[in-house]
Amino acid sequence: MSRNDHKVMILYYGGHHQSLTIYEDYINGVQKYYSDVRLLDYFDLYLRQGVRRFTGAVINEVEQYKRDLIFFMPGSGDMTFPAVLIEKLSTMAYMVINFFDSEIFFDNIDRHYAQAAGLVLVPNPGAQALFSSIETNTYCTYSLFDPERYPCKGVERATDVSFVGNLTKANRRRYIEFLMKNGITVSTFGYGTSSGIICQEKMVDVFNRTKISLNFSDAEQSGLVLYSRKESLIPQLKGRITEAALTGSFVLTEYAPGLDEMYEIGKEIDIFHDQDELLQKVRYYLAHPIERDTIATAGRQRALRDYDCRRAFQNIDGLIADRNEHRQIKYDEMFEHNQANFLFYYFVRFALTFRLVKAFFEIKHICAHARLDFRQAMYLGVRAIAACCGQNRLFAWVYTALKLAIISLQKKQVS
C-alpha cells in the first residue's frame, strides 16, 4: 500500500501539564509524509467522555473515518487505555506505538501495550533491546525534531556553559556544583533551578547563546514516579542532545550506550564519564573555540540529516505491513490493578470541576476491577489538583517546593 492510500489516525497524549513539543514534532512528521491524517487527543477526549463513553468514542472515530493505520503516542507513564481497547484497535487498523521512556516504564506498562503493535518506535537502542524479550517488531528512530523549531540564529555565544533540564534528577546538581567550585560559570534552567522552567522558545535562545551545552543521560527511579521499573535503570539517550545540536551549540554529554551510533564522538559531539573528565573537557573546549565550533557545526549537520522528523517517517513507512498480525495482550494482575487505579486521576479532575456523575462512574469502575490503592490515589490526586490549579502561581510554587523537599528527603534516606 502506498503512502497516499493510508488513512491515518494519530492517537496522542495532549495533557496540559507537560511539554508537548516532542509530540507536536512527531505529529508534524506524520502529517508531512501522509496525506490523509486525523488527530485525536485522547486525553481531551477522556475528559469529555469519561470511562463509560471513552472506549466507544475512540472506536467510533476509527470506524467512522475508515482509518487503516494508527500511530499511538501515549504519554510516558500514562495508563488511560485499558488493554481490551488496544487489542480491539489492533484488529481494526495497523498499530504503530511510540514509547518515549521505556527504560522507566517497560515492566509495568509498555511491554503490555506493545504486544498489540505491528511496529514499536523507540528513541534509543537500550529501549529497543528491552522489547526483544517479547518478540516485538521494534525500530529505533532516535529522538526526532522539527528543525524549524530549533534555528541556528548566528548570535554571539556569550554564555560559557549552560544546562536546561530537571536539576533534581540523580547526580546532576552535584556535577554542576563541582564545575562551579572549580571556577566554571554554569547557567541553569529548568525544574529545580533558580531560573525555573522555561518555554521552548527561551530554551532555543539559551542554546544559541551558549558555547557548551551540557546533557546528562541518567534515568532515575523515584518514589514520586508510579509504575517505574524495579530493576536498575539503563542510561537514556536524551532528545536534548539533538535539540541543542540543531541550534549549532556544542554538546558535551554524559555517556550512554548507543551514543556512538547516534553521533560521532569527538567529531560531532563529545562525552564525559565522570565529574573530573567533565571539568577537564569543559576547560579544554572553552580554551579551543575553533575546534569547538567545528564539532558543533558537524553535529548540526548530522542532526539535520538524520533526526529531522519531516524526513524520518519515509523510512518508518517502509517498515509498515498491510495489516497487523493480531496478538492478544497477556497482562498480569498488577497491570490490571494499576490501570484501574490510574482512573483516580480522572475522578479527581471530574470532582474538582463538579462533574459528579462522571466522577461517580470513575470510582465505580475502579472498585469493580481492583481494590483502591491509596498510594496511587494520593499521587494521582495531587497531579490532578496541580493540573486544575496550574494557572495559579502561588499553588504552583507551593506544589513545586513540596515536591522538591520530598525528593531531597528521599535522596538523603538512600545515601
Protein backbone atom coordinates (compact mmCIF):
# COMPACT_ATOMS: atom_id res chain seq x y z
CA MET A 1 0.00 0.00 0.00
CA SER A 2 1.44 3.39 -0.96
CA ARG A 3 1.53 6.37 1.37
CA ASN A 4 -1.39 8.06 -0.40
CA ASP A 5 -3.62 5.07 0.27
CA HIS A 6 -3.19 5.06 4.06
CA LYS A 7 -5.88 6.71 6.16
CA VAL A 8 -4.00 7.64 9.33
CA MET A 9 -5.21 8.24 12.87
CA ILE A 10 -2.82 9.78 15.42
CA LEU A 11 -3.88 8.97 18.98
CA TYR A 12 -1.75 11.25 21.14
CA TYR A 13 -1.50 12.49 24.70
CA GLY A 14 -2.34 16.19 24.97
CA GLY A 15 -2.04 16.60 28.76
CA HIS A 16 -1.61 20.24 29.68
CA HIS A 17 0.88 19.68 32.48
CA GLN A 18 3.83 18.56 30.38
CA SER A 19 5.67 19.89 27.35
CA LEU A 20 4.03 18.88 24.10
CA THR A 21 6.96 19.80 21.84
CA ILE A 22 8.10 16.25 21.11
CA TYR A 23 4.53 15.12 20.45
CA GLU A 24 3.98 18.05 18.11
CA ASP A 25 7.20 17.31 16.22
CA TYR A 26 6.31 13.63 15.73
CA ILE A 27 2.81 14.62 14.65
CA ASN A 28 4.30 17.09 12.17
CA GLY A 29 6.47 14.30 10.80
CA VAL A 30 3.47 12.04 10.23
CA GLN A 31 1.47 14.85 8.64
CA LYS A 32 4.32 15.80 6.31
CA TYR A 33 4.56 12.26 4.96
CA TYR A 34 0.94 11.05 4.86
CA SER A 35 -1.76 13.00 3.06
CA ASP A 36 -4.84 11.78 4.99
CA VAL A 37 -4.24 12.24 8.72
CA ARG A 38 -6.78 12.67 11.51
CA LEU A 39 -5.68 13.77 15.01
CA LEU A 40 -7.31 12.59 18.22
CA ASP A 41 -6.14 13.94 21.58
CA TYR A 42 -7.23 11.02 23.74
CA PHE A 43 -6.57 12.91 26.99
CA ASP A 44 -9.01 15.64 25.99
CA LEU A 45 -11.46 13.02 24.71
CA TYR A 46 -11.43 11.21 28.07
CA LEU A 47 -12.04 14.45 29.97
CA ARG A 48 -15.11 14.98 27.77
CA GLN A 49 -16.46 11.41 27.76
CA GLY A 50 -15.38 9.70 30.99
CA VAL A 51 -14.93 5.97 31.47
CA ARG A 52 -18.41 5.00 30.25
CA ARG A 53 -18.10 6.51 26.78
CA PHE A 54 -14.34 6.74 26.13
CA THR A 55 -13.87 3.28 24.56
CA GLY A 56 -16.86 3.68 22.27
CA ALA A 57 -15.80 7.17 21.23
CA VAL A 58 -12.30 6.00 20.20
CA ILE A 59 -13.66 3.01 18.26
CA ASN A 60 -16.25 5.22 16.56
CA GLU A 61 -13.54 7.64 15.36
CA VAL A 62 -11.61 4.79 13.72
CA GLU A 63 -14.73 3.27 12.16
CA GLN A 64 -16.38 6.49 11.03
CA TYR A 65 -13.30 7.80 9.25
CA LYS A 66 -12.20 4.35 8.00
CA ARG A 67 -8.69 4.55 9.44
CA ASP A 68 -6.32 1.71 8.45
CA LEU A 69 -3.14 2.98 10.17
CA ILE A 70 -2.95 4.17 13.79
CA PHE A 71 0.01 5.97 15.34
CA PHE A 72 -0.46 5.67 19.11
CA MET A 73 1.67 8.13 21.11
CA PRO A 74 0.86 7.57 24.81
CA GLY A 75 2.18 9.85 27.50
CA SER A 76 5.07 8.36 29.47
CA GLY A 77 3.62 6.52 32.46
CA ASP A 78 0.06 7.00 31.19
CA MET A 79 -2.44 4.15 31.61
CA THR A 80 -5.64 5.70 30.28
CA PHE A 81 -6.21 2.88 27.77
CA PRO A 82 -7.48 -0.49 29.01
CA ALA A 83 -5.76 -3.46 27.36
CA VAL A 84 -9.00 -4.60 25.71
CA LEU A 85 -9.29 -1.29 23.83
CA ILE A 86 -5.74 -1.53 22.48
CA GLU A 87 -6.49 -5.12 21.40
CA LYS A 88 -9.66 -4.01 19.63
CA LEU A 89 -7.90 -1.19 17.79
CA SER A 90 -5.22 -3.60 16.59
CA THR A 91 -7.92 -5.64 14.81
CA MET A 92 -9.26 -2.53 13.08
CA ALA A 93 -6.03 -0.96 11.78
CA TYR A 94 -2.28 -1.43 11.66
CA MET A 95 -0.96 -0.21 15.01
CA VAL A 96 2.31 1.71 15.45
CA ILE A 97 3.10 2.61 19.08
CA ASN A 98 5.71 5.21 20.00
CA PHE A 99 7.17 4.89 23.51
CA PHE A 100 9.45 7.62 24.87
CA ASP A 101 10.58 6.34 28.31
CA SER A 102 10.57 2.54 28.23
CA GLU A 103 13.75 2.48 30.34
CA ILE A 104 11.45 3.54 33.18
CA PHE A 105 8.03 2.11 32.28
CA PHE A 106 8.74 -1.07 30.30
CA ASP A 107 7.97 -3.62 33.03
CA ASN A 108 4.69 -2.20 34.29
CA ILE A 109 3.19 -0.52 31.22
CA ASP A 110 4.95 -0.53 27.85
CA ARG A 111 5.53 -4.28 27.46
CA HIS A 112 1.80 -4.88 27.84
CA TYR A 113 0.60 -2.34 25.28
CA ALA A 114 3.38 -3.29 22.84
CA GLN A 115 2.02 -6.80 22.41
CA ALA A 116 -0.77 -5.47 20.19
CA ALA A 117 1.50 -3.36 17.98
CA GLY A 118 2.61 -4.22 14.49
CA LEU A 119 5.55 -1.87 15.00
CA VAL A 120 7.02 -0.18 18.09
CA LEU A 121 9.09 3.00 17.77
CA VAL A 122 11.61 3.93 20.48
CA PRO A 123 14.22 6.71 20.69
CA ASN A 124 17.29 4.66 21.65
CA PRO A 125 18.88 1.20 21.31
CA GLY A 126 18.62 0.49 25.05
CA ALA A 127 14.83 0.62 24.88
CA GLN A 128 14.88 -1.43 21.68
CA ALA A 129 16.73 -4.20 23.50
CA LEU A 130 14.05 -4.36 26.18
CA PHE A 131 11.35 -5.18 23.62
CA SER A 132 13.38 -8.02 22.09
CA SER A 133 12.37 -10.17 25.07
CA ILE A 134 8.72 -10.14 23.96
CA GLU A 135 9.48 -10.58 20.25
CA THR A 136 8.09 -7.20 19.25
CA ASN A 137 8.92 -5.62 15.90
CA THR A 138 10.84 -2.56 17.15
CA TYR A 139 12.61 0.26 15.32
CA CYS A 140 14.96 2.79 16.91
CA THR A 141 14.28 6.23 15.45
CA TYR A 142 16.37 8.18 17.96
CA SER A 143 14.67 11.41 19.04
CA LEU A 144 13.14 13.30 16.13
CA PHE A 145 12.53 17.05 15.94
CA ASP A 146 11.34 19.72 13.53
CA PRO A 147 14.41 21.84 12.62
CA GLU A 148 12.21 24.89 12.06
CA ARG A 149 11.64 24.98 15.83
CA TYR A 150 15.41 24.94 16.51
CA PRO A 151 17.01 27.61 14.29
CA CYS A 152 20.68 28.50 14.42
CA LYS A 153 20.38 32.28 14.88
CA GLY A 154 24.03 33.21 14.41
CA VAL A 155 24.12 35.37 17.56
CA GLU A 156 27.12 35.80 19.85
CA ARG A 157 27.63 32.85 22.20
CA ALA A 158 28.32 34.83 25.37
CA THR A 159 27.39 32.08 27.86
CA ASP A 160 30.24 29.68 28.60
CA VAL A 161 28.24 26.68 29.84
CA SER A 162 24.53 26.05 30.27
CA PHE A 163 22.22 23.24 31.30
CA VAL A 164 18.49 23.05 30.54
CA GLY A 165 16.56 20.28 32.29
CA ASN A 166 15.47 18.79 35.60
CA LEU A 167 18.26 19.52 38.09
CA THR A 168 16.74 17.29 40.79
CA LYS A 169 17.46 14.03 38.95
CA ALA A 170 20.28 11.71 40.04
CA ASN A 171 23.65 13.48 40.40
CA ARG A 172 23.07 16.45 38.11
CA ARG A 173 23.25 19.09 40.82
CA ARG A 174 26.47 17.55 42.17
CA TYR A 175 28.08 17.76 38.71
CA ILE A 176 27.02 21.38 38.26
CA GLU A 177 28.23 22.39 41.73
CA PHE A 178 31.57 20.65 41.08
CA LEU A 179 32.09 22.76 37.96
CA MET A 180 31.19 25.97 39.76
CA LYS A 181 33.50 25.20 42.70
CA ASN A 182 36.30 24.88 40.14
CA GLY A 183 35.70 28.27 38.59
CA ILE A 184 33.31 27.37 35.75
CA THR A 185 30.22 29.56 35.44
CA VAL A 186 27.18 27.45 34.59
CA SER A 187 23.79 28.92 33.73
CA THR A 188 20.99 26.51 34.66
CA PHE A 189 17.34 26.46 33.62
CA GLY A 190 14.51 24.08 34.38
CA TYR A 191 12.90 22.23 37.25
CA GLY A 192 14.85 22.67 40.48
CA THR A 193 16.88 25.68 39.28
CA SER A 194 16.66 29.30 40.42
CA SER A 195 15.66 30.31 36.89
CA GLY A 196 12.77 27.85 36.87
CA ILE A 197 11.16 26.12 33.92
CA ILE A 198 11.47 27.99 30.62
CA CYS A 199 9.43 27.79 27.43
CA GLN A 200 10.67 26.09 24.27
CA GLU A 201 11.47 29.41 22.55
CA LYS A 202 13.55 30.55 25.52
CA MET A 203 15.37 27.20 25.57
CA VAL A 204 16.32 27.62 21.90
CA ASP A 205 17.61 31.11 22.67
CA VAL A 206 19.72 29.72 25.54
CA PHE A 207 21.24 27.10 23.23
CA ASN A 208 22.02 29.74 20.61
CA ARG A 209 23.89 31.88 23.15
CA THR A 210 25.82 29.00 24.75
CA LYS A 211 29.32 27.81 23.94
CA ILE A 212 28.94 24.42 25.69
CA SER A 213 25.53 22.82 26.24
CA LEU A 214 25.60 20.12 28.92
CA ASN A 215 23.45 16.98 28.85
CA PHE A 216 23.05 14.16 31.37
CA SER A 217 22.00 10.61 30.48
CA ASP A 218 20.71 9.36 33.82
CA ALA A 219 17.34 7.64 34.20
CA GLU A 220 16.32 7.85 37.83
CA GLN A 221 13.87 5.81 39.86
CA SER A 222 11.77 7.82 42.28
CA GLY A 223 9.04 7.20 44.79
CA LEU A 224 7.27 10.10 43.09
CA VAL A 225 7.05 8.20 39.79
CA LEU A 226 4.47 5.43 39.71
CA TYR A 227 4.92 2.28 37.65
CA SER A 228 8.71 2.66 37.23
CA ARG A 229 10.90 -0.42 36.79
CA LYS A 230 12.11 -2.27 39.87
CA GLU A 231 15.44 -3.10 38.26
CA SER A 232 18.31 -0.65 37.79
CA LEU A 233 17.50 1.81 35.05
CA ILE A 234 19.73 1.97 32.00
CA PRO A 235 21.04 5.39 30.88
CA GLN A 236 18.92 7.17 28.28
CA LEU A 237 19.90 8.87 25.05
CA LYS A 238 18.18 12.18 25.71
CA GLY A 239 16.48 14.18 22.99
CA ARG A 240 18.11 17.28 24.46
CA ILE A 241 21.33 16.31 22.64
CA THR A 242 19.73 16.79 19.24
CA GLU A 243 17.73 19.84 20.32
CA ALA A 244 20.96 21.65 21.24
CA ALA A 245 22.87 20.33 18.21
CA LEU A 246 20.21 21.66 15.82
CA THR A 247 20.86 25.20 17.08
CA GLY A 248 24.60 24.88 16.37
CA SER A 249 25.56 24.69 20.04
CA PHE A 250 28.45 22.43 21.05
CA VAL A 251 27.10 19.45 23.00
CA LEU A 252 29.02 17.84 25.86
CA THR A 253 27.01 14.89 27.19
CA GLU A 254 27.31 12.17 29.77
CA TYR A 255 27.97 8.86 28.01
CA ALA A 256 25.15 6.41 27.38
CA PRO A 257 25.21 3.12 25.42
CA GLY A 258 24.37 3.68 21.76
CA LEU A 259 25.55 7.28 21.73
CA ASP A 260 28.36 6.48 19.31
CA GLU A 261 25.75 5.22 16.82
CA MET A 262 23.76 8.44 17.16
CA TYR A 263 26.67 10.88 16.76
CA GLU A 264 30.39 10.53 16.05
CA ILE A 265 32.17 11.13 19.34
CA GLY A 266 34.84 13.82 19.21
CA LYS A 267 33.75 14.98 15.76
CA GLU A 268 30.04 15.81 16.12
CA ILE A 269 29.63 15.94 19.92
CA ASP A 270 31.81 14.96 22.87
CA ILE A 271 31.26 12.96 26.05
CA PHE A 272 32.27 12.61 29.69
CA HIS A 273 32.06 9.69 32.12
CA ASP A 274 32.66 11.37 35.50
CA GLN A 275 33.00 14.81 37.04
CA ASP A 276 36.77 15.02 36.61
CA GLU A 277 36.53 14.30 32.89
CA LEU A 278 33.66 16.79 32.64
CA LEU A 279 35.76 19.55 34.19
CA GLN A 280 38.77 18.70 32.01
CA LYS A 281 36.76 18.82 28.80
CA VAL A 282 34.86 21.98 29.70
CA ARG A 283 38.18 23.76 30.30
CA TYR A 284 39.64 22.35 27.08
CA TYR A 285 36.78 23.35 24.80
CA LEU A 286 36.45 26.82 26.31
CA ALA A 287 40.14 27.31 25.51
CA HIS A 288 39.83 25.92 21.95
CA PRO A 289 36.94 27.78 20.27
CA ILE A 290 37.85 26.81 16.68
CA GLU A 291 37.80 23.08 17.46
CA ARG A 292 34.63 23.52 19.50
CA ASP A 293 32.83 25.35 16.69
CA THR A 294 33.98 22.80 14.10
CA ILE A 295 32.47 19.97 16.13
CA ALA A 296 29.28 21.96 16.74
CA THR A 297 28.86 22.60 13.00
CA ALA A 298 29.30 18.91 12.22
CA GLY A 299 26.83 17.99 14.96
CA ARG A 300 24.23 20.33 13.50
CA GLN A 301 24.68 18.85 10.02
CA ARG A 302 24.22 15.32 11.42
CA ALA A 303 21.08 16.36 13.31
CA LEU A 304 19.59 17.96 10.18
CA ARG A 305 20.40 14.91 8.07
CA ASP A 306 19.30 12.08 10.36
CA TYR A 307 16.89 13.41 13.01
CA ASP A 308 14.53 15.62 11.01
CA CYS A 309 11.03 14.39 11.89
CA ARG A 310 9.77 15.51 8.48
CA ARG A 311 12.04 13.01 6.71
CA ALA A 312 12.14 10.14 9.20
CA PHE A 313 8.64 8.82 8.54
CA GLN A 314 9.55 7.96 4.98
CA ASN A 315 11.88 5.30 6.42
CA ILE A 316 9.31 4.26 9.02
CA ASP A 317 6.63 3.78 6.35
CA GLY A 318 8.81 1.14 4.70
CA LEU A 319 8.54 -0.99 7.87
CA ILE A 320 4.74 -0.93 7.96
CA ALA A 321 2.93 -4.02 6.71
CA ASP A 322 -0.54 -4.03 5.16
CA ARG A 323 -2.15 -5.31 8.37
CA ASN A 324 -1.40 -6.39 11.93
CA GLU A 325 -0.81 -9.96 12.92
CA HIS A 326 -3.22 -9.68 15.83
CA ARG A 327 -1.99 -10.92 19.19
CA GLN A 328 -3.91 -10.94 22.43
CA ILE A 329 -2.34 -8.86 25.19
CA LYS A 330 -1.17 -11.09 28.03
CA TYR A 331 -1.25 -8.90 31.10
CA ASP A 332 -0.81 -9.71 34.77
CA GLU A 333 -2.93 -8.80 37.80
CA MET A 334 -0.65 -5.89 38.68
CA PHE A 335 -1.21 -4.28 35.27
CA GLU A 336 -4.99 -4.62 35.68
CA HIS A 337 -4.74 -3.22 39.21
CA ASN A 338 -2.63 -0.24 38.11
CA GLN A 339 -4.69 0.53 35.03
CA ALA A 340 -7.93 0.60 37.01
CA ASN A 341 -6.42 2.77 39.74
CA PHE A 342 -4.98 5.18 37.17
CA LEU A 343 -8.52 6.39 36.58
CA PHE A 344 -8.44 8.02 40.02
CA TYR A 345 -6.69 10.90 38.27
CA TYR A 346 -9.79 11.48 36.16
CA PHE A 347 -12.05 11.01 39.20
CA VAL A 348 -10.33 13.97 40.89
CA ARG A 349 -10.45 16.07 37.71
CA PHE A 350 -14.18 15.46 37.39
CA ALA A 351 -14.84 16.05 41.09
CA LEU A 352 -12.94 19.35 41.11
CA THR A 353 -15.00 20.61 38.17
CA PHE A 354 -18.30 19.39 39.72
CA ARG A 355 -18.96 16.77 37.05
CA LEU A 356 -20.09 14.45 39.79
CA VAL A 357 -21.84 11.83 37.64
CA LYS A 358 -18.63 11.25 35.69
CA ALA A 359 -16.64 11.18 38.94
CA PHE A 360 -19.02 8.56 40.37
CA PHE A 361 -18.56 6.22 37.39
CA GLU A 362 -14.75 6.51 37.60
CA ILE A 363 -14.82 5.30 41.22
CA LYS A 364 -17.37 2.63 40.36
CA HIS A 365 -15.11 1.31 37.59
CA ILE A 366 -12.05 1.26 39.87
CA CYS A 367 -13.85 -0.67 42.59
CA ALA A 368 -15.25 -3.15 40.04
CA HIS A 369 -11.81 -4.05 38.68
CA ALA A 370 -9.38 -3.58 41.60
CA ARG A 371 -9.03 -2.50 45.19
CA LEU A 372 -8.41 1.20 45.63
CA ASP A 373 -4.67 1.79 46.02
CA PHE A 374 -4.26 4.72 48.41
CA ARG A 375 -0.63 5.38 47.50
CA GLN A 376 -1.54 5.71 43.84
CA ALA A 377 -4.64 7.71 44.74
CA MET A 378 -2.53 10.23 46.67
CA TYR A 379 -0.02 10.64 43.84
CA LEU A 380 -2.63 10.85 41.08
CA GLY A 381 -4.83 13.13 43.15
CA VAL A 382 -2.02 15.64 43.66
CA ARG A 383 -1.28 15.51 39.92
CA ALA A 384 -4.90 16.18 39.09
CA ILE A 385 -5.12 19.09 41.54
CA ALA A 386 -1.90 20.55 40.14
CA ALA A 387 -3.28 20.30 36.61
CA CYS A 388 -6.51 22.07 37.59
CA CYS A 389 -4.71 24.81 39.50
CA GLY A 390 -1.77 25.17 37.14
CA GLN A 391 -2.67 28.76 36.31
CA ASN A 392 -2.43 29.75 39.99
CA ARG A 393 1.18 30.83 40.55
CA LEU A 394 1.06 30.56 44.33
CA PHE A 395 -0.28 27.00 44.22
CA ALA A 396 2.25 26.03 41.57
CA TRP A 397 5.07 27.44 43.73
CA VAL A 398 3.88 25.57 46.84
CA TYR A 399 3.43 22.33 44.87
CA THR A 400 6.92 22.59 43.38
CA ALA A 401 8.50 23.39 46.76
CA LEU A 402 6.83 20.40 48.41
CA LYS A 403 7.85 18.04 45.62
CA LEU A 404 11.47 19.22 45.73
CA ALA A 405 11.51 18.79 49.52
CA ILE A 406 10.22 15.21 49.23
CA ILE A 407 12.78 14.37 46.54
CA SER A 408 15.58 15.81 48.70
CA LEU A 409 14.39 13.77 51.70
CA GLN A 410 14.27 10.58 49.63
CA LYS A 411 17.84 11.08 48.43
CA LYS A 412 19.09 11.66 51.97
CA GLN A 413 17.42 8.43 53.10
CA VAL A 414 19.06 6.49 50.25
CA SER A 415 22.51 7.93 50.96
